[in-house]
Amino acid sequence: MIELRLLKYFLVAAREGNITRASEKLHITQPSLSRQIASLEDVLGKKLYFRTNYGIRLTEEGLLLKKRAEEMSELEERIFAELSGDCINGTVYIGAGETAGVKHIASVMKALHEKYPCIKYRMISGDAEDVSDKLDKGLIDFGLFVGKVNLKKYDCISLPDSDSWGVIVRRDDELALKDSISPDDLHDRQLLFSHQAKTQGEFSEWLGYSIDELDIIGTHNLAYNASVMVREGLGILVTIEGIANVGEDSGLKFIPLMPEIKAGLMFAWKKGNVFSKSANKFLEFIRASV
């Protein structure tokens, strides 16, 4: 059994990267902190860090423990916020991929805020796999999923919005003269894919040939970063509309796919989940919005 106190000590040391600074922050002596972490290593049977000339460097096991300790610390903060006080003043945690559908979520937040101004929100970005993992671990209350995703283990609401797939090219690219993009247009071109587009079925079906025939030089989770790569001439970005700047001053242009690909949006949560008062209110408002 691991004492939470030891995990907190280790987490401070891991974040500071230095035992001396961590001990000062925790208001304990440096030898005492070293002994506490050593006892944690004994319990786990793993070396968690090495000393360097500049501080400490976490081992692979130490990095994993740091991640888990941060998750536990976040859960502790949520429990305290949700159970303290009588008014509805907790935080609603929502995970979402890059999608224009976040506009719908934001409109619900605004409506809820007007009635319950003490409720706060934390949006956590990630692809479908990241969001699903956080839902399963109880680190978020809700997840927003785009396109064809297996959601059998969740309760879901289908949002009225949908995303349109297309490409982003430089305005001096020959494809910028087109009003739409066909599968043949992408053959023999260097492509940048969102991880989502590469792993879901909609694009493969539209393509009509194996996705392995494409020259995919990179994948991404953030369209902004990928759009910078396009601007620098690294390739064509396959993504959804509305999540990257393609204004006149950007030097970029979004062109839809033809035939059109629409990706539906699903708002999901764990079956049988016990929600905080704030999350319950958010679910009530999102149901009413659709």
C-alpha atoms as a PDB file:
ATOM      1  CA  MET A   1       0.000   0.000   0.000  1.00  0.00           C
ATOM      2  CA  ILE A   2       1.444   3.375  -1.021  1.00  0.00           C
ATOM      3  CA  GLU A   3       0.983   6.316   1.341  1.00  0.00           C
ATOM      4  CA  LEU A   4      -0.486   9.349  -0.394  1.00  0.00           C
ATOM      5  CA  ARG A   5       1.958  11.508   1.579  1.00  0.00           C
ATOM      6  CA  LEU A   6       4.899   9.771  -0.106  1.00  0.00           C
ATOM      7  CA  LEU A   7       3.345  10.254  -3.538  1.00  0.00           C
ATOM      8  CA  LYS A   8       2.901  13.963  -2.843  1.00  0.00           C
ATOM      9  CA  TYR A   9       6.527  14.270  -1.754  1.00  0.00           C
ATOM     10  CA  PHE A  10       7.712  12.450  -4.860  1.00  0.00           C
ATOM     11  CA  LEU A  11       5.487  14.562  -7.135  1.00  0.00           C
ATOM     12  CA  VAL A  12       6.904  17.827  -5.773  1.00  0.00           C
ATOM     13  CA  ALA A  13      10.462  16.528  -6.225  1.00  0.00           C
ATOM     14  CA  ALA A  14       9.674  15.348  -9.774  1.00  0.00           C
ATOM     15  CA  ARG A  15       8.154  18.700 -10.715  1.00  0.00           C
ATOM     16  CA  GLU A  16      11.002  20.718  -9.199  1.00  0.00           C
ATOM     17  CA  GLY A  17      13.689  18.433 -10.643  1.00  0.00           C
ATOM     18  CA  ASN A  18      15.779  19.155  -7.595  1.00  0.00           C
ATOM     19  CA  ILE A  19      15.674  17.613  -4.087  1.00  0.00           C
ATOM     20  CA  THR A  20      16.872  20.794  -2.360  1.00  0.00           C
ATOM     21  CA  ARG A  21      14.229  23.018  -3.951  1.00  0.00           C
ATOM     22  CA  ALA A  22      11.544  20.387  -3.309  1.00  0.00           C
ATOM     23  CA  SER A  23      12.472  20.090   0.378  1.00  0.00           C
ATOM     24  CA  GLU A  24      12.267  23.871   0.752  1.00  0.00           C
ATOM     25  CA  LYS A  25       8.862  23.900  -0.891  1.00  0.00           C
ATOM     26  CA  LEU A  26       7.650  21.082   1.386  1.00  0.00           C
ATOM     27  CA  HIS A  27       9.247  22.672   4.485  1.00  0.00           C
ATOM     28  CA  ILE A  28      11.185  19.533   5.395  1.00  0.00           C
ATOM     29  CA  THR A  29      14.917  18.834   5.413  1.00  0.00           C
ATOM     30  CA  GLN A  30      16.670  17.518   2.324  1.00  0.00           C
ATOM     31  CA  PRO A  31      17.823  14.265   4.040  1.00  0.00           C
ATOM     32  CA  SER A  32      14.278  13.654   5.265  1.00  0.00           C
ATOM     33  CA  LEU A  33      12.829  14.068   1.765  1.00  0.00           C
ATOM     34  CA  SER A  34      15.480  11.750   0.314  1.00  0.00           C
ATOM     35  CA  ARG A  35      14.583   9.110   2.919  1.00  0.00           C
ATOM     36  CA  GLN A  36      10.867   9.445   2.164  1.00  0.00           C
ATOM     37  CA  ILE A  37      11.420   8.898  -1.560  1.00  0.00           C
ATOM     38  CA  ALA A  38      13.807   6.025  -0.821  1.00  0.00           C
ATOM     39  CA  SER A  39      11.070   4.346   1.223  1.00  0.00           C
ATOM     40  CA  LEU A  40       8.704   4.781  -1.736  1.00  0.00           C
ATOM     41  CA  GLU A  41      11.291   3.116  -3.982  1.00  0.00           C
ATOM     42  CA  ASP A  42      11.508   0.234  -1.484  1.00  0.00           C
ATOM     43  CA  VAL A  43       7.717  -0.243  -1.542  1.00  0.00           C
ATOM     44  CA  LEU A  44       7.637  -0.249  -5.349  1.00  0.00           C
ATOM     45  CA  GLY A  45      10.904  -2.128  -5.821  1.00  0.00           C
ATOM     46  CA  LYS A  46      11.922   0.378  -8.521  1.00  0.00           C
ATOM     47  CA  LYS A  47      14.517   3.120  -8.855  1.00  0.00           C
ATOM     48  CA  LEU A  48      12.627   6.361  -9.464  1.00  0.00           C
ATOM     49  CA  TYR A  49      15.410   8.856 -10.180  1.00  0.00           C
ATOM     50  CA  PHE A  50      19.133   9.429 -10.611  1.00  0.00           C
ATOM     51  CA  ARG A  51      21.103  12.373  -9.268  1.00  0.00           C
ATOM     52  CA  THR A  52      22.869  14.604 -11.810  1.00  0.00           C
ATOM     53  CA  ASN A  53      25.045  17.703 -11.532  1.00  0.00           C
ATOM     54  CA  TYR A  54      21.920  19.819 -12.043  1.00  0.00           C
ATOM     55  CA  GLY A  55      19.380  17.989  -9.889  1.00  0.00           C
ATOM     56  CA  ILE A  56      17.544  14.741 -10.511  1.00  0.00           C
ATOM     57  CA  ARG A  57      16.533  12.830 -13.635  1.00  0.00           C
ATOM     58  CA  LEU A  58      13.526  10.509 -13.485  1.00  0.00           C
ATOM     59  CA  THR A  59      13.832   6.922 -14.633  1.00  0.00           C
ATOM     60  CA  GLU A  60      11.231   5.408 -16.936  1.00  0.00           C
ATOM     61  CA  GLU A  61       9.409   4.099 -13.856  1.00  0.00           C
ATOM     62  CA  GLY A  62       9.716   7.522 -12.237  1.00  0.00           C
ATOM     63  CA  LEU A  63       8.122   9.216 -15.249  1.00  0.00           C
ATOM     64  CA  LEU A  64       5.209   6.774 -15.138  1.00  0.00           C
ATOM     65  CA  LEU A  65       4.732   7.308 -11.399  1.00  0.00           C
ATOM     66  CA  LYS A  66       4.827  11.093 -11.906  1.00  0.00           C
ATOM     67  CA  LYS A  67       2.016  10.817 -14.451  1.00  0.00           C
ATOM     68  CA  ARG A  68      -0.104   8.628 -12.157  1.00  0.00           C
ATOM     69  CA  ALA A  69       0.592  10.829  -9.126  1.00  0.00           C
ATOM     70  CA  GLU A  70      -0.553  13.890 -11.089  1.00  0.00           C
ATOM     71  CA  GLU A  71      -3.769  12.082 -12.005  1.00  0.00           C
ATOM     72  CA  MET A  72      -4.374  11.205  -8.346  1.00  0.00           C
ATOM     73  CA  SER A  73      -3.644  14.783  -7.270  1.00  0.00           C
ATOM     74  CA  GLU A  74      -6.157  16.082  -9.808  1.00  0.00           C
ATOM     75  CA  LEU A  75      -8.798  13.629  -8.552  1.00  0.00           C
ATOM     76  CA  GLU A  76      -8.157  14.755  -4.977  1.00  0.00           C
ATOM     77  CA  GLU A  77      -8.690  18.392  -5.989  1.00  0.00           C
ATOM     78  CA  ARG A  78     -11.927  17.467  -7.770  1.00  0.00           C
ATOM     79  CA  ILE A  79     -13.264  15.570  -4.754  1.00  0.00           C
ATOM     80  CA  PHE A  80     -12.562  18.510  -2.462  1.00  0.00           C
ATOM     81  CA  ALA A  81     -14.167  21.015  -4.857  1.00  0.00           C
ATOM     82  CA  GLU A  82     -17.249  18.868  -5.436  1.00  0.00           C
ATOM     83  CA  LEU A  83     -17.969  17.978  -1.789  1.00  0.00           C
ATOM     84  CA  SER A  84     -17.109  21.238  -0.043  1.00  0.00           C
ATOM     85  CA  GLY A  85     -19.809  23.859   0.386  1.00  0.00           C
ATOM     86  CA  ASP A  86     -23.530  23.769  -0.319  1.00  0.00           C
ATOM     87  CA  CYS A  87     -23.718  25.767  -3.564  1.00  0.00           C
ATOM     88  CA  ILE A  88     -23.044  24.402  -7.038  1.00  0.00           C
ATOM     89  CA  ASN A  89     -19.459  25.539  -7.553  1.00  0.00           C
ATOM     90  CA  GLY A  90     -17.455  22.596  -8.873  1.00  0.00           C
ATOM     91  CA  THR A  91     -15.529  22.177 -12.122  1.00  0.00           C
ATOM     92  CA  VAL A  92     -16.853  20.351 -15.188  1.00  0.00           C
ATOM     93  CA  TYR A  93     -14.097  18.419 -16.989  1.00  0.00           C
ATOM     94  CA  ILE A  94     -14.535  17.857 -20.740  1.00  0.00           C
ATOM     95  CA  GLY A  95     -12.177  16.119 -23.151  1.00  0.00           C
ATOM     96  CA  ALA A  96     -12.381  16.867 -26.858  1.00  0.00           C
ATOM     97  CA  GLY A  97     -10.491  16.494 -30.084  1.00  0.00           C
ATOM     98  CA  GLU A  98     -10.059  19.381 -32.489  1.00  0.00           C
ATOM     99  CA  THR A  99     -13.503  20.062 -33.877  1.00  0.00           C
ATOM    100  CA  ALA A 100     -15.671  22.998 -34.814  1.00  0.00           C
ATOM    101  CA  GLY A 101     -18.323  21.262 -32.690  1.00  0.00           C
ATOM    102  CA  VAL A 102     -16.726  22.770 -29.591  1.00  0.00           C
ATOM    103  CA  LYS A 103     -18.869  25.816 -30.474  1.00  0.00           C
ATOM    104  CA  HIS A 104     -21.932  23.881 -29.325  1.00  0.00           C
ATOM    105  CA  ILE A 105     -20.244  22.970 -26.043  1.00  0.00           C
ATOM    106  CA  ALA A 106     -19.221  26.602 -25.541  1.00  0.00           C
ATOM    107  CA  SER A 107     -22.802  27.808 -26.081  1.00  0.00           C
ATOM    108  CA  VAL A 108     -24.010  25.395 -23.390  1.00  0.00           C
ATOM    109  CA  MET A 109     -21.257  26.621 -21.045  1.00  0.00           C
ATOM    110  CA  LYS A 110     -22.411  30.203 -21.593  1.00  0.00           C
ATOM    111  CA  ALA A 111     -26.062  29.355 -20.874  1.00  0.00           C
ATOM    112  CA  LEU A 112     -25.117  27.411 -17.740  1.00  0.00           C
ATOM    113  CA  HIS A 113     -22.764  30.167 -16.549  1.00  0.00           C
ATOM    114  CA  GLU A 114     -25.552  32.721 -16.695  1.00  0.00           C
ATOM    115  CA  LYS A 115     -27.591  30.653 -14.229  1.00  0.00           C
ATOM    116  CA  TYR A 116     -24.748  29.083 -12.196  1.00  0.00           C
ATOM    117  CA  PRO A 117     -21.817  31.522 -12.328  1.00  0.00           C
ATOM    118  CA  CYS A 118     -19.763  29.577  -9.746  1.00  0.00           C
ATOM    119  CA  ILE A 119     -19.379  26.538 -12.004  1.00  0.00           C
ATOM    120  CA  LYS A 120     -15.985  26.383 -13.725  1.00  0.00           C
ATOM    121  CA  TYR A 121     -14.835  24.449 -16.791  1.00  0.00           C
ATOM    122  CA  ARG A 122     -11.693  22.641 -17.827  1.00  0.00           C
ATOM    123  CA  MET A 123     -11.289  21.653 -21.470  1.00  0.00           C
ATOM    124  CA  ILE A 124      -8.691  18.963 -22.130  1.00  0.00           C
ATOM    125  CA  SER A 125      -7.551  18.374 -25.711  1.00  0.00           C
ATOM    126  CA  GLY A 126      -6.712  14.985 -27.168  1.00  0.00           C
ATOM    127  CA  ASP A 127      -7.615  12.477 -29.861  1.00  0.00           C
ATOM    128  CA  ALA A 128     -10.346   9.856 -29.380  1.00  0.00           C
ATOM    129  CA  GLU A 129      -7.959   7.444 -27.674  1.00  0.00           C
ATOM    130  CA  ASP A 130      -6.785  10.084 -25.181  1.00  0.00           C
ATOM    131  CA  VAL A 131     -10.315  11.224 -24.375  1.00  0.00           C
ATOM    132  CA  SER A 132     -11.585   7.646 -23.962  1.00  0.00           C
ATOM    133  CA  ASP A 133      -8.690   6.802 -21.631  1.00  0.00           C
ATOM    134  CA  LYS A 134      -9.421   9.810 -19.410  1.00  0.00           C
ATOM    135  CA  LEU A 135     -13.131   8.989 -19.337  1.00  0.00           C
ATOM    136  CA  ASP A 136     -12.387   5.427 -18.239  1.00  0.00           C
ATOM    137  CA  LYS A 137     -10.086   6.655 -15.459  1.00  0.00           C
ATOM    138  CA  GLY A 138     -12.584   9.209 -14.195  1.00  0.00           C
ATOM    139  CA  LEU A 139     -10.283  12.142 -14.982  1.00  0.00           C
ATOM    140  CA  ILE A 140     -12.957  13.875 -17.071  1.00  0.00           C
ATOM    141  CA  ASP A 141     -16.745  13.933 -16.848  1.00  0.00           C
ATOM    142  CA  PHE A 142     -17.544  14.039 -20.558  1.00  0.00           C
ATOM    143  CA  GLY A 143     -15.908  13.435 -23.908  1.00  0.00           C
ATOM    144  CA  LEU A 144     -16.617  14.924 -27.329  1.00  0.00           C
ATOM    145  CA  PHE A 145     -15.871  12.472 -30.142  1.00  0.00           C
ATOM    146  CA  VAL A 146     -15.673  13.094 -33.889  1.00  0.00           C
ATOM    147  CA  GLY A 147     -16.597  10.613 -36.626  1.00  0.00           C
ATOM    148  CA  LYS A 148     -16.717   6.829 -36.444  1.00  0.00           C
ATOM    149  CA  VAL A 149     -15.632   5.864 -32.927  1.00  0.00           C
ATOM    150  CA  ASN A 150     -16.700   2.768 -30.968  1.00  0.00           C
ATOM    151  CA  LEU A 151     -18.670   4.188 -28.036  1.00  0.00           C
ATOM    152  CA  LYS A 152     -20.598   1.086 -26.933  1.00  0.00           C
ATOM    153  CA  LYS A 153     -19.322   1.332 -23.362  1.00  0.00           C
ATOM    154  CA  TYR A 154     -20.616   4.913 -22.967  1.00  0.00           C
ATOM    155  CA  ASP A 155     -23.909   6.742 -22.829  1.00  0.00           C
ATOM    156  CA  CYS A 156     -24.054   9.266 -25.670  1.00  0.00           C
ATOM    157  CA  ILE A 157     -25.905  12.201 -27.139  1.00  0.00           C
ATOM    158  CA  SER A 158     -25.617  12.986 -30.835  1.00  0.00           C
ATOM    159  CA  LEU A 159     -24.990  16.695 -31.347  1.00  0.00           C
ATOM    160  CA  PRO A 160     -26.718  18.485 -34.237  1.00  0.00           C
ATOM    161  CA  ASP A 161     -23.399  19.754 -35.630  1.00  0.00           C
ATOM    162  CA  SER A 162     -21.009  17.880 -37.930  1.00  0.00           C
ATOM    163  CA  ASP A 163     -17.515  18.449 -39.275  1.00  0.00           C
ATOM    164  CA  SER A 164     -16.544  18.635 -42.957  1.00  0.00           C
ATOM    165  CA  TRP A 165     -13.274  17.090 -44.135  1.00  0.00           C
ATOM    166  CA  GLY A 166     -10.977  18.775 -46.608  1.00  0.00           C
ATOM    167  CA  VAL A 167      -7.382  19.860 -47.147  1.00  0.00           C
ATOM    168  CA  ILE A 168      -5.364  22.968 -46.345  1.00  0.00           C
ATOM    169  CA  VAL A 169      -2.875  24.062 -48.998  1.00  0.00           C
ATOM    170  CA  ARG A 170      -0.686  27.083 -49.622  1.00  0.00           C
ATOM    171  CA  ARG A 171      -2.384  29.693 -51.780  1.00  0.00           C
ATOM    172  CA  ASP A 172       0.420  29.371 -54.344  1.00  0.00           C
ATOM    173  CA  ASP A 173      -0.190  25.598 -54.671  1.00  0.00           C
ATOM    174  CA  GLU A 174      -1.791  24.466 -57.936  1.00  0.00           C
ATOM    175  CA  LEU A 175      -4.589  22.814 -55.918  1.00  0.00           C
ATOM    176  CA  ALA A 176      -5.601  26.229 -54.553  1.00  0.00           C
ATOM    177  CA  LEU A 177      -7.280  26.908 -57.900  1.00  0.00           C
ATOM    178  CA  LYS A 178      -9.742  24.058 -57.279  1.00  0.00           C
ATOM    179  CA  ASP A 179     -13.127  24.307 -55.544  1.00  0.00           C
ATOM    180  CA  SER A 180     -12.979  20.715 -54.313  1.00  0.00           C
ATOM    181  CA  ILE A 181     -10.495  17.871 -53.927  1.00  0.00           C
ATOM    182  CA  SER A 182     -10.822  14.381 -55.433  1.00  0.00           C
ATOM    183  CA  PRO A 183      -8.910  11.235 -54.406  1.00  0.00           C
ATOM    184  CA  ASP A 184      -6.726  11.537 -57.526  1.00  0.00           C
ATOM    185  CA  ASP A 185      -5.621  15.031 -56.440  1.00  0.00           C
ATOM    186  CA  LEU A 186      -3.863  13.566 -53.400  1.00  0.00           C
ATOM    187  CA  HIS A 187      -1.929  10.856 -55.209  1.00  0.00           C
ATOM    188  CA  ASP A 188       1.817  11.572 -55.407  1.00  0.00           C
ATOM    189  CA  ARG A 189       1.540  14.550 -53.041  1.00  0.00           C
ATOM    190  CA  GLN A 190       3.204  14.840 -49.631  1.00  0.00           C
ATOM    191  CA  LEU A 191       0.482  14.797 -47.002  1.00  0.00           C
ATOM    192  CA  LEU A 192       0.102  15.725 -43.341  1.00  0.00           C
ATOM    193  CA  PHE A 193      -2.693  13.850 -41.574  1.00  0.00           C
ATOM    194  CA  SER A 194      -4.456  14.368 -38.314  1.00  0.00           C
ATOM    195  CA  HIS A 195      -4.108  11.164 -36.292  1.00  0.00           C
ATOM    196  CA  GLN A 196      -7.902  11.066 -36.291  1.00  0.00           C
ATOM    197  CA  ALA A 197      -8.225  11.120 -40.088  1.00  0.00           C
ATOM    198  CA  LYS A 198      -5.609   8.418 -40.531  1.00  0.00           C
ATOM    199  CA  THR A 199      -7.202   5.951 -38.122  1.00  0.00           C
ATOM    200  CA  GLN A 200     -10.913   6.403 -38.853  1.00  0.00           C
ATOM    201  CA  GLY A 201     -12.827   4.764 -41.663  1.00  0.00           C
ATOM    202  CA  GLU A 202     -14.471   7.736 -43.365  1.00  0.00           C
ATOM    203  CA  PHE A 203     -11.375   8.854 -45.235  1.00  0.00           C
ATOM    204  CA  SER A 204     -10.357   5.350 -46.350  1.00  0.00           C
ATOM    205  CA  GLU A 205     -13.831   4.775 -47.787  1.00  0.00           C
ATOM    206  CA  TRP A 206     -13.731   8.093 -49.628  1.00  0.00           C
ATOM    207  CA  LEU A 207     -10.266   7.436 -51.035  1.00  0.00           C
ATOM    208  CA  GLY A 208     -11.250   4.308 -52.968  1.00  0.00           C
ATOM    209  CA  TYR A 209      -7.728   2.879 -52.734  1.00  0.00           C
ATOM    210  CA  SER A 210      -5.431   1.856 -49.887  1.00  0.00           C
ATOM    211  CA  ILE A 211      -4.357   4.680 -47.610  1.00  0.00           C
ATOM    212  CA  ASP A 212      -0.905   3.068 -47.640  1.00  0.00           C
ATOM    213  CA  GLU A 213      -0.516   4.274 -51.230  1.00  0.00           C
ATOM    214  CA  LEU A 214      -0.433   7.867 -50.016  1.00  0.00           C
ATOM    215  CA  ASP A 215       2.803   9.678 -49.205  1.00  0.00           C
ATOM    216  CA  ILE A 216       2.028  10.595 -45.573  1.00  0.00           C
ATOM    217  CA  ILE A 217       5.086  12.410 -44.268  1.00  0.00           C
ATOM    218  CA  GLY A 218       3.676  13.236 -40.827  1.00  0.00           C
ATOM    219  CA  THR A 219       0.729  13.121 -38.437  1.00  0.00           C
ATOM    220  CA  HIS A 220      -0.410  15.610 -35.814  1.00  0.00           C
ATOM    221  CA  ASN A 221      -2.855  16.245 -32.985  1.00  0.00           C
ATOM    222  CA  LEU A 222      -2.955  20.041 -33.286  1.00  0.00           C
ATOM    223  CA  ALA A 223      -4.027  21.587 -36.583  1.00  0.00           C
ATOM    224  CA  TYR A 224      -2.341  24.901 -35.810  1.00  0.00           C
ATOM    225  CA  ASN A 225       1.098  23.261 -35.669  1.00  0.00           C
ATOM    226  CA  ALA A 226       0.405  21.304 -38.845  1.00  0.00           C
ATOM    227  CA  SER A 227      -0.800  24.441 -40.648  1.00  0.00           C
ATOM    228  CA  VAL A 228       2.567  26.060 -39.914  1.00  0.00           C
ATOM    229  CA  MET A 229       4.221  23.049 -41.570  1.00  0.00           C
ATOM    230  CA  VAL A 230       2.011  23.579 -44.633  1.00  0.00           C
ATOM    231  CA  ARG A 231       2.936  27.251 -44.719  1.00  0.00           C
ATOM    232  CA  GLU A 232       6.615  26.244 -44.746  1.00  0.00           C
ATOM    233  CA  GLY A 233       6.001  24.003 -47.769  1.00  0.00           C
ATOM    234  CA  LEU A 234       6.190  20.592 -46.087  1.00  0.00           C
ATOM    235  CA  GLY A 235       2.991  19.218 -47.565  1.00  0.00           C
ATOM    236  CA  ILE A 236      -0.806  19.308 -47.777  1.00  0.00           C
ATOM    237  CA  LEU A 237      -2.832  19.037 -44.574  1.00  0.00           C
ATOM    238  CA  VAL A 238      -5.837  16.687 -44.453  1.00  0.00           C
ATOM    239  CA  THR A 239      -8.094  17.997 -41.686  1.00  0.00           C
ATOM    240  CA  ILE A 240     -11.548  19.259 -40.818  1.00  0.00           C
ATOM    241  CA  GLU A 241     -12.904  22.704 -41.597  1.00  0.00           C
ATOM    242  CA  GLY A 242     -12.813  25.547 -39.127  1.00  0.00           C
ATOM    243  CA  ILE A 243      -9.951  24.580 -36.796  1.00  0.00           C
ATOM    244  CA  ALA A 244      -7.030  26.402 -38.439  1.00  0.00           C
ATOM    245  CA  ASN A 245      -6.595  29.955 -39.669  1.00  0.00           C
ATOM    246  CA  VAL A 246      -7.025  30.088 -43.445  1.00  0.00           C
ATOM    247  CA  GLY A 247      -7.780  33.812 -43.769  1.00  0.00           C
ATOM    248  CA  GLU A 248      -6.356  35.914 -46.591  1.00  0.00           C
ATOM    249  CA  ASP A 249      -3.369  36.924 -44.482  1.00  0.00           C
ATOM    250  CA  SER A 250      -2.530  33.304 -43.578  1.00  0.00           C
ATOM    251  CA  GLY A 251      -1.301  32.306 -47.036  1.00  0.00           C
ATOM    252  CA  LEU A 252      -3.431  29.148 -46.743  1.00  0.00           C
ATOM    253  CA  LYS A 253      -6.703  27.895 -48.214  1.00  0.00           C
ATOM    254  CA  PHE A 254      -9.170  25.215 -47.097  1.00  0.00           C
ATOM    255  CA  ILE A 255     -10.691  23.107 -49.913  1.00  0.00           C
ATOM    256  CA  PRO A 256     -13.459  20.553 -49.183  1.00  0.00           C
ATOM    257  CA  LEU A 257     -13.324  16.952 -50.333  1.00  0.00           C
ATOM    258  CA  MET A 258     -15.670  15.793 -53.078  1.00  0.00           C
ATOM    259  CA  PRO A 259     -17.655  13.628 -52.621  1.00  0.00           C
ATOM    260  CA  GLU A 260     -18.234  15.389 -49.321  1.00  0.00           C
ATOM    261  CA  ILE A 261     -17.281  13.693 -46.050  1.00  0.00           C
ATOM    262  CA  LYS A 262     -19.253  14.709 -42.967  1.00  0.00           C
ATOM    263  CA  ALA A 263     -18.175  13.518 -39.511  1.00  0.00           C
ATOM    264  CA  GLY A 264     -20.837  13.383 -36.798  1.00  0.00           C
ATOM    265  CA  LEU A 265     -20.228  14.537 -33.228  1.00  0.00           C
ATOM    266  CA  MET A 266     -21.016  12.466 -30.132  1.00  0.00           C
ATOM    267  CA  PHE A 267     -21.056  13.744 -26.553  1.00  0.00           C
ATOM    268  CA  ALA A 268     -20.356  10.807 -24.227  1.00  0.00           C
ATOM    269  CA  TRP A 269     -19.924   9.806 -20.582  1.00  0.00           C
ATOM    270  CA  LYS A 270     -19.345   6.589 -18.614  1.00  0.00           C
ATOM    271  CA  LYS A 271     -22.425   4.437 -18.074  1.00  0.00           C
ATOM    272  CA  GLY A 272     -23.583   4.534 -14.479  1.00  0.00           C
ATOM    273  CA  ASN A 273     -21.244   7.396 -13.631  1.00  0.00           C
ATOM    274  CA  VAL A 274     -21.970   9.302 -10.409  1.00  0.00           C
ATOM    275  CA  PHE A 275     -21.673  12.972 -11.342  1.00  0.00           C
ATOM    276  CA  SER A 276     -20.931  16.003  -9.225  1.00  0.00           C
ATOM    277  CA  LYS A 277     -23.687  18.604  -8.954  1.00  0.00           C
ATOM    278  CA  SER A 278     -21.918  20.809 -11.491  1.00  0.00           C
ATOM    279  CA  ALA A 279     -21.513  17.961 -14.023  1.00  0.00           C
ATOM    280  CA  ASN A 280     -25.153  16.964 -13.525  1.00  0.00           C
ATOM    281  CA  LYS A 281     -26.238  20.494 -14.334  1.00  0.00           C
ATOM    282  CA  PHE A 282     -24.054  20.564 -17.435  1.00  0.00           C
ATOM    283  CA  LEU A 283     -25.571  17.272 -18.649  1.00  0.00           C
ATOM    284  CA  GLU A 284     -29.036  18.676 -18.013  1.00  0.00           C
ATOM    285  CA  PHE A 285     -28.247  21.744 -20.137  1.00  0.00           C
ATOM    286  CA  ILE A 286     -26.582  19.755 -22.952  1.00  0.00           C
ATOM    287  CA  ARG A 287     -29.629  17.462 -23.178  1.00  0.00           C
ATOM    288  CA  ALA A 288     -31.893  20.488 -23.429  1.00  0.00           C
ATOM    289  CA  SER A 289     -29.694  21.983 -26.169  1.00  0.00           C
ATOM    290  CA  VAL A 290     -30.274  19.066 -28.551  1.00  0.00           C
END
